[in-house]
Amino acid sequence: MHINFQLRNVRALHNALALKNIPLIFRIAKETESTNEIFDDLIERLGAADVFWNGEVAVDERKRDERLMRWLSKKGIGANQSEDQFIGDPVKITTKEGKVYTVFTPFKKRYLMPIVDHGEARLKAIAAFKAGKG
């Protein structure tokens, strides 16, 4: 069921991008090191000046994204990472003293604070933006 959900969303994204004449391209890297080769090929083939992607929280993926940002910067290509898969970067959620939380409940309260503070209006604004109406 999860795969079906993902496939339906990818199909919807593909269709939405096609209306704007933007191709949806998938590439799979067998090893992290081959990521640059894949991007090199795509950048050259498409004449790209910027690269956009969704960031990930996991340690290895975060390191991969940081390496990619440095590599793109050296090539003079714009690197644009967004955080749409989560409310905010959990690594950046710290105590008032700037320390990492060691107990989950205070961390959760702090993590959810932007939603609680801005309530329903913020959620509506996020939904409108994602629907292309913001």
C-alpha atoms as a PDB file:
ATOM      1  CA  MET A   1       0.000   0.000   0.000  1.00  0.00           C
ATOM      2  CA  HIS A   2       2.863   2.405   0.808  1.00  0.00           C
ATOM      3  CA  ILE A   3       4.475   1.824  -2.596  1.00  0.00           C
ATOM      4  CA  ASN A   4       1.142   2.410  -4.327  1.00  0.00           C
ATOM      5  CA  PHE A   5       0.815   5.727  -2.468  1.00  0.00           C
ATOM      6  CA  GLN A   6       4.312   6.760  -3.552  1.00  0.00           C
ATOM      7  CA  LEU A   7       3.706   5.771  -7.167  1.00  0.00           C
ATOM      8  CA  ARG A   8       0.437   7.730  -7.299  1.00  0.00           C
ATOM      9  CA  ASN A   9       2.210  10.805  -5.919  1.00  0.00           C
ATOM     10  CA  VAL A  10       5.106  10.492  -8.347  1.00  0.00           C
ATOM     11  CA  ARG A  11       2.607  10.167 -11.214  1.00  0.00           C
ATOM     12  CA  ALA A  12       0.767  13.282  -9.988  1.00  0.00           C
ATOM     13  CA  LEU A  13       4.056  15.189  -9.709  1.00  0.00           C
ATOM     14  CA  HIS A  14       5.071  14.037 -13.193  1.00  0.00           C
ATOM     15  CA  ASN A  15       1.753  15.267 -14.627  1.00  0.00           C
ATOM     16  CA  ALA A  16       1.926  18.615 -12.805  1.00  0.00           C
ATOM     17  CA  LEU A  17       5.478  19.227 -14.013  1.00  0.00           C
ATOM     18  CA  ALA A  18       4.591  18.174 -17.571  1.00  0.00           C
ATOM     19  CA  LEU A  19       1.971  20.948 -17.681  1.00  0.00           C
ATOM     20  CA  LYS A  20       4.851  23.380 -17.098  1.00  0.00           C
ATOM     21  CA  ASN A  21       7.105  21.614 -19.622  1.00  0.00           C
ATOM     22  CA  ILE A  22       9.439  20.418 -16.848  1.00  0.00           C
ATOM     23  CA  PRO A  23      10.715  16.833 -17.068  1.00  0.00           C
ATOM     24  CA  LEU A  24      10.726  14.611 -13.991  1.00  0.00           C
ATOM     25  CA  ILE A  25      13.975  12.658 -14.129  1.00  0.00           C
ATOM     26  CA  PHE A  26      14.990   9.742 -11.902  1.00  0.00           C
ATOM     27  CA  ARG A  27      18.554   8.592 -11.496  1.00  0.00           C
ATOM     28  CA  ILE A  28      19.783   5.959  -9.048  1.00  0.00           C
ATOM     29  CA  ALA A  29      23.331   6.023  -7.718  1.00  0.00           C
ATOM     30  CA  LYS A  30      24.719   2.689  -6.580  1.00  0.00           C
ATOM     31  CA  GLU A  31      27.248   4.457  -4.382  1.00  0.00           C
ATOM     32  CA  THR A  32      27.305   7.947  -2.911  1.00  0.00           C
ATOM     33  CA  GLU A  33      30.472   8.771  -4.846  1.00  0.00           C
ATOM     34  CA  SER A  34      28.711   8.286  -8.193  1.00  0.00           C
ATOM     35  CA  THR A  35      26.190  11.037  -7.346  1.00  0.00           C
ATOM     36  CA  ASN A  36      28.482  13.726  -8.773  1.00  0.00           C
ATOM     37  CA  GLU A  37      28.784  11.826 -12.068  1.00  0.00           C
ATOM     38  CA  ILE A  38      25.006  11.649 -12.366  1.00  0.00           C
ATOM     39  CA  PHE A  39      24.645  15.367 -11.655  1.00  0.00           C
ATOM     40  CA  ASP A  40      27.480  16.208 -14.041  1.00  0.00           C
ATOM     41  CA  ASP A  41      25.659  14.381 -16.834  1.00  0.00           C
ATOM     42  CA  LEU A  42      22.294  15.990 -16.062  1.00  0.00           C
ATOM     43  CA  ILE A  43      23.697  19.502 -15.664  1.00  0.00           C
ATOM     44  CA  GLU A  44      25.478  19.259 -18.998  1.00  0.00           C
ATOM     45  CA  ARG A  45      22.541  17.638 -20.802  1.00  0.00           C
ATOM     46  CA  LEU A  46      19.947  20.076 -19.452  1.00  0.00           C
ATOM     47  CA  GLY A  47      22.145  23.179 -19.270  1.00  0.00           C
ATOM     48  CA  ALA A  48      21.113  23.594 -15.637  1.00  0.00           C
ATOM     49  CA  ALA A  49      22.158  26.663 -13.680  1.00  0.00           C
ATOM     50  CA  ASP A  50      20.500  25.489 -10.442  1.00  0.00           C
ATOM     51  CA  VAL A  51      19.738  22.181  -8.709  1.00  0.00           C
ATOM     52  CA  PHE A  52      16.808  21.741  -6.295  1.00  0.00           C
ATOM     53  CA  TRP A  53      16.161  18.855  -3.901  1.00  0.00           C
ATOM     54  CA  ASN A  54      14.512  17.901  -0.628  1.00  0.00           C
ATOM     55  CA  GLY A  55      16.937  17.502   2.247  1.00  0.00           C
ATOM     56  CA  GLU A  56      16.976  14.510   4.538  1.00  0.00           C
ATOM     57  CA  VAL A  57      17.650  14.270   8.260  1.00  0.00           C
ATOM     58  CA  ALA A  58      19.587  10.980   8.398  1.00  0.00           C
ATOM     59  CA  VAL A  59      23.315  11.407   9.041  1.00  0.00           C
ATOM     60  CA  ASP A  60      24.658   9.810   5.849  1.00  0.00           C
ATOM     61  CA  GLU A  61      22.146  11.644   3.662  1.00  0.00           C
ATOM     62  CA  ARG A  62      22.936  14.940   5.378  1.00  0.00           C
ATOM     63  CA  LYS A  63      26.645  14.404   4.662  1.00  0.00           C
ATOM     64  CA  ARG A  64      25.829  13.505   1.050  1.00  0.00           C
ATOM     65  CA  ASP A  65      23.807  16.705   0.654  1.00  0.00           C
ATOM     66  CA  GLU A  66      26.604  18.815   2.177  1.00  0.00           C
ATOM     67  CA  ARG A  67      29.140  17.257  -0.228  1.00  0.00           C
ATOM     68  CA  LEU A  68      26.786  17.916  -3.131  1.00  0.00           C
ATOM     69  CA  MET A  69      26.334  21.558  -2.101  1.00  0.00           C
ATOM     70  CA  ARG A  70      30.112  22.090  -1.972  1.00  0.00           C
ATOM     71  CA  TRP A  71      30.599  20.337  -5.313  1.00  0.00           C
ATOM     72  CA  LEU A  72      27.842  22.366  -7.016  1.00  0.00           C
ATOM     73  CA  SER A  73      29.246  25.580  -5.558  1.00  0.00           C
ATOM     74  CA  LYS A  74      32.696  24.818  -7.016  1.00  0.00           C
ATOM     75  CA  LYS A  75      31.057  24.332 -10.434  1.00  0.00           C
ATOM     76  CA  GLY A  76      29.153  27.628 -10.116  1.00  0.00           C
ATOM     77  CA  ILE A  77      25.783  25.849  -9.996  1.00  0.00           C
ATOM     78  CA  GLY A  78      23.091  27.053  -7.577  1.00  0.00           C
ATOM     79  CA  ALA A  79      22.344  24.531  -4.806  1.00  0.00           C
ATOM     80  CA  ASN A  80      18.806  24.824  -3.414  1.00  0.00           C
ATOM     81  CA  GLN A  81      17.839  22.445  -0.638  1.00  0.00           C
ATOM     82  CA  SER A  82      14.398  22.593   0.958  1.00  0.00           C
ATOM     83  CA  GLU A  83      12.970  21.044   4.096  1.00  0.00           C
ATOM     84  CA  ASP A  84       9.461  20.096   3.074  1.00  0.00           C
ATOM     85  CA  GLN A  85       9.524  16.595   4.546  1.00  0.00           C
ATOM     86  CA  PHE A  86       9.452  17.845   8.123  1.00  0.00           C
ATOM     87  CA  ILE A  87       8.353  20.854  10.164  1.00  0.00           C
ATOM     88  CA  GLY A  88      11.891  21.994  10.767  1.00  0.00           C
ATOM     89  CA  ASP A  89      15.346  20.506  10.950  1.00  0.00           C
ATOM     90  CA  PRO A  90      15.362  18.409  14.156  1.00  0.00           C
ATOM     91  CA  VAL A  91      19.131  18.864  14.474  1.00  0.00           C
ATOM     92  CA  LYS A  92      18.612  22.612  14.821  1.00  0.00           C
ATOM     93  CA  ILE A  93      16.088  22.243  17.678  1.00  0.00           C
ATOM     94  CA  THR A  94      18.023  23.064  20.844  1.00  0.00           C
ATOM     95  CA  THR A  95      17.392  24.157  24.408  1.00  0.00           C
ATOM     96  CA  LYS A  96      17.513  27.824  25.446  1.00  0.00           C
ATOM     97  CA  GLU A  97      21.145  27.182  26.305  1.00  0.00           C
ATOM     98  CA  GLY A  98      21.826  25.943  22.759  1.00  0.00           C
ATOM     99  CA  LYS A  99      22.281  22.320  23.822  1.00  0.00           C
ATOM    100  CA  VAL A 100      20.765  19.204  22.266  1.00  0.00           C
ATOM    101  CA  TYR A 101      17.687  17.838  24.056  1.00  0.00           C
ATOM    102  CA  THR A 102      18.240  14.614  25.988  1.00  0.00           C
ATOM    103  CA  VAL A 103      14.568  14.052  26.927  1.00  0.00           C
ATOM    104  CA  PHE A 104      11.941  13.536  24.220  1.00  0.00           C
ATOM    105  CA  THR A 105       8.906  15.389  25.654  1.00  0.00           C
ATOM    106  CA  PRO A 106      10.570  18.840  25.910  1.00  0.00           C
ATOM    107  CA  PHE A 107      12.085  18.269  22.458  1.00  0.00           C
ATOM    108  CA  LYS A 108       8.645  17.435  21.011  1.00  0.00           C
ATOM    109  CA  LYS A 109       7.065  20.527  22.570  1.00  0.00           C
ATOM    110  CA  ARG A 110       9.819  22.741  21.140  1.00  0.00           C
ATOM    111  CA  TYR A 111       9.672  20.998  17.755  1.00  0.00           C
ATOM    112  CA  LEU A 112       5.911  21.522  17.443  1.00  0.00           C
ATOM    113  CA  MET A 113       6.019  25.122  18.715  1.00  0.00           C
ATOM    114  CA  PRO A 114       5.809  26.761  15.230  1.00  0.00           C
ATOM    115  CA  ILE A 115       2.568  24.921  14.539  1.00  0.00           C
ATOM    116  CA  VAL A 116       1.117  25.640  17.962  1.00  0.00           C
ATOM    117  CA  ASP A 117       2.192  29.312  17.836  1.00  0.00           C
ATOM    118  CA  HIS A 118       0.733  29.955  14.399  1.00  0.00           C
ATOM    119  CA  GLY A 119      -2.056  27.414  14.591  1.00  0.00           C
ATOM    120  CA  GLU A 120      -4.475  26.795  11.800  1.00  0.00           C
ATOM    121  CA  ALA A 121      -3.547  29.918   9.805  1.00  0.00           C
ATOM    122  CA  ARG A 122       0.001  28.628   9.348  1.00  0.00           C
ATOM    123  CA  LEU A 123      -1.223  25.196   8.286  1.00  0.00           C
ATOM    124  CA  LYS A 124      -3.578  26.781   5.737  1.00  0.00           C
ATOM    125  CA  ALA A 125      -0.753  28.943   4.386  1.00  0.00           C
ATOM    126  CA  ILE A 126       1.516  25.908   4.023  1.00  0.00           C
ATOM    127  CA  ALA A 127      -1.241  23.940   2.268  1.00  0.00           C
ATOM    128  CA  ALA A 128      -1.967  26.857  -0.074  1.00  0.00           C
ATOM    129  CA  PHE A 129       1.722  27.249  -0.908  1.00  0.00           C
ATOM    130  CA  LYS A 130       2.121  23.543  -1.660  1.00  0.00           C
ATOM    131  CA  ALA A 131      -1.008  23.672  -3.850  1.00  0.00           C
ATOM    132  CA  GLY A 132       0.581  26.507  -5.848  1.00  0.00           C
ATOM    133  CA  LYS A 133      -1.812  29.135  -4.530  1.00  0.00           C
ATOM    134  CA  GLY A 134       0.558  30.891  -2.140  1.00  0.00           C
END
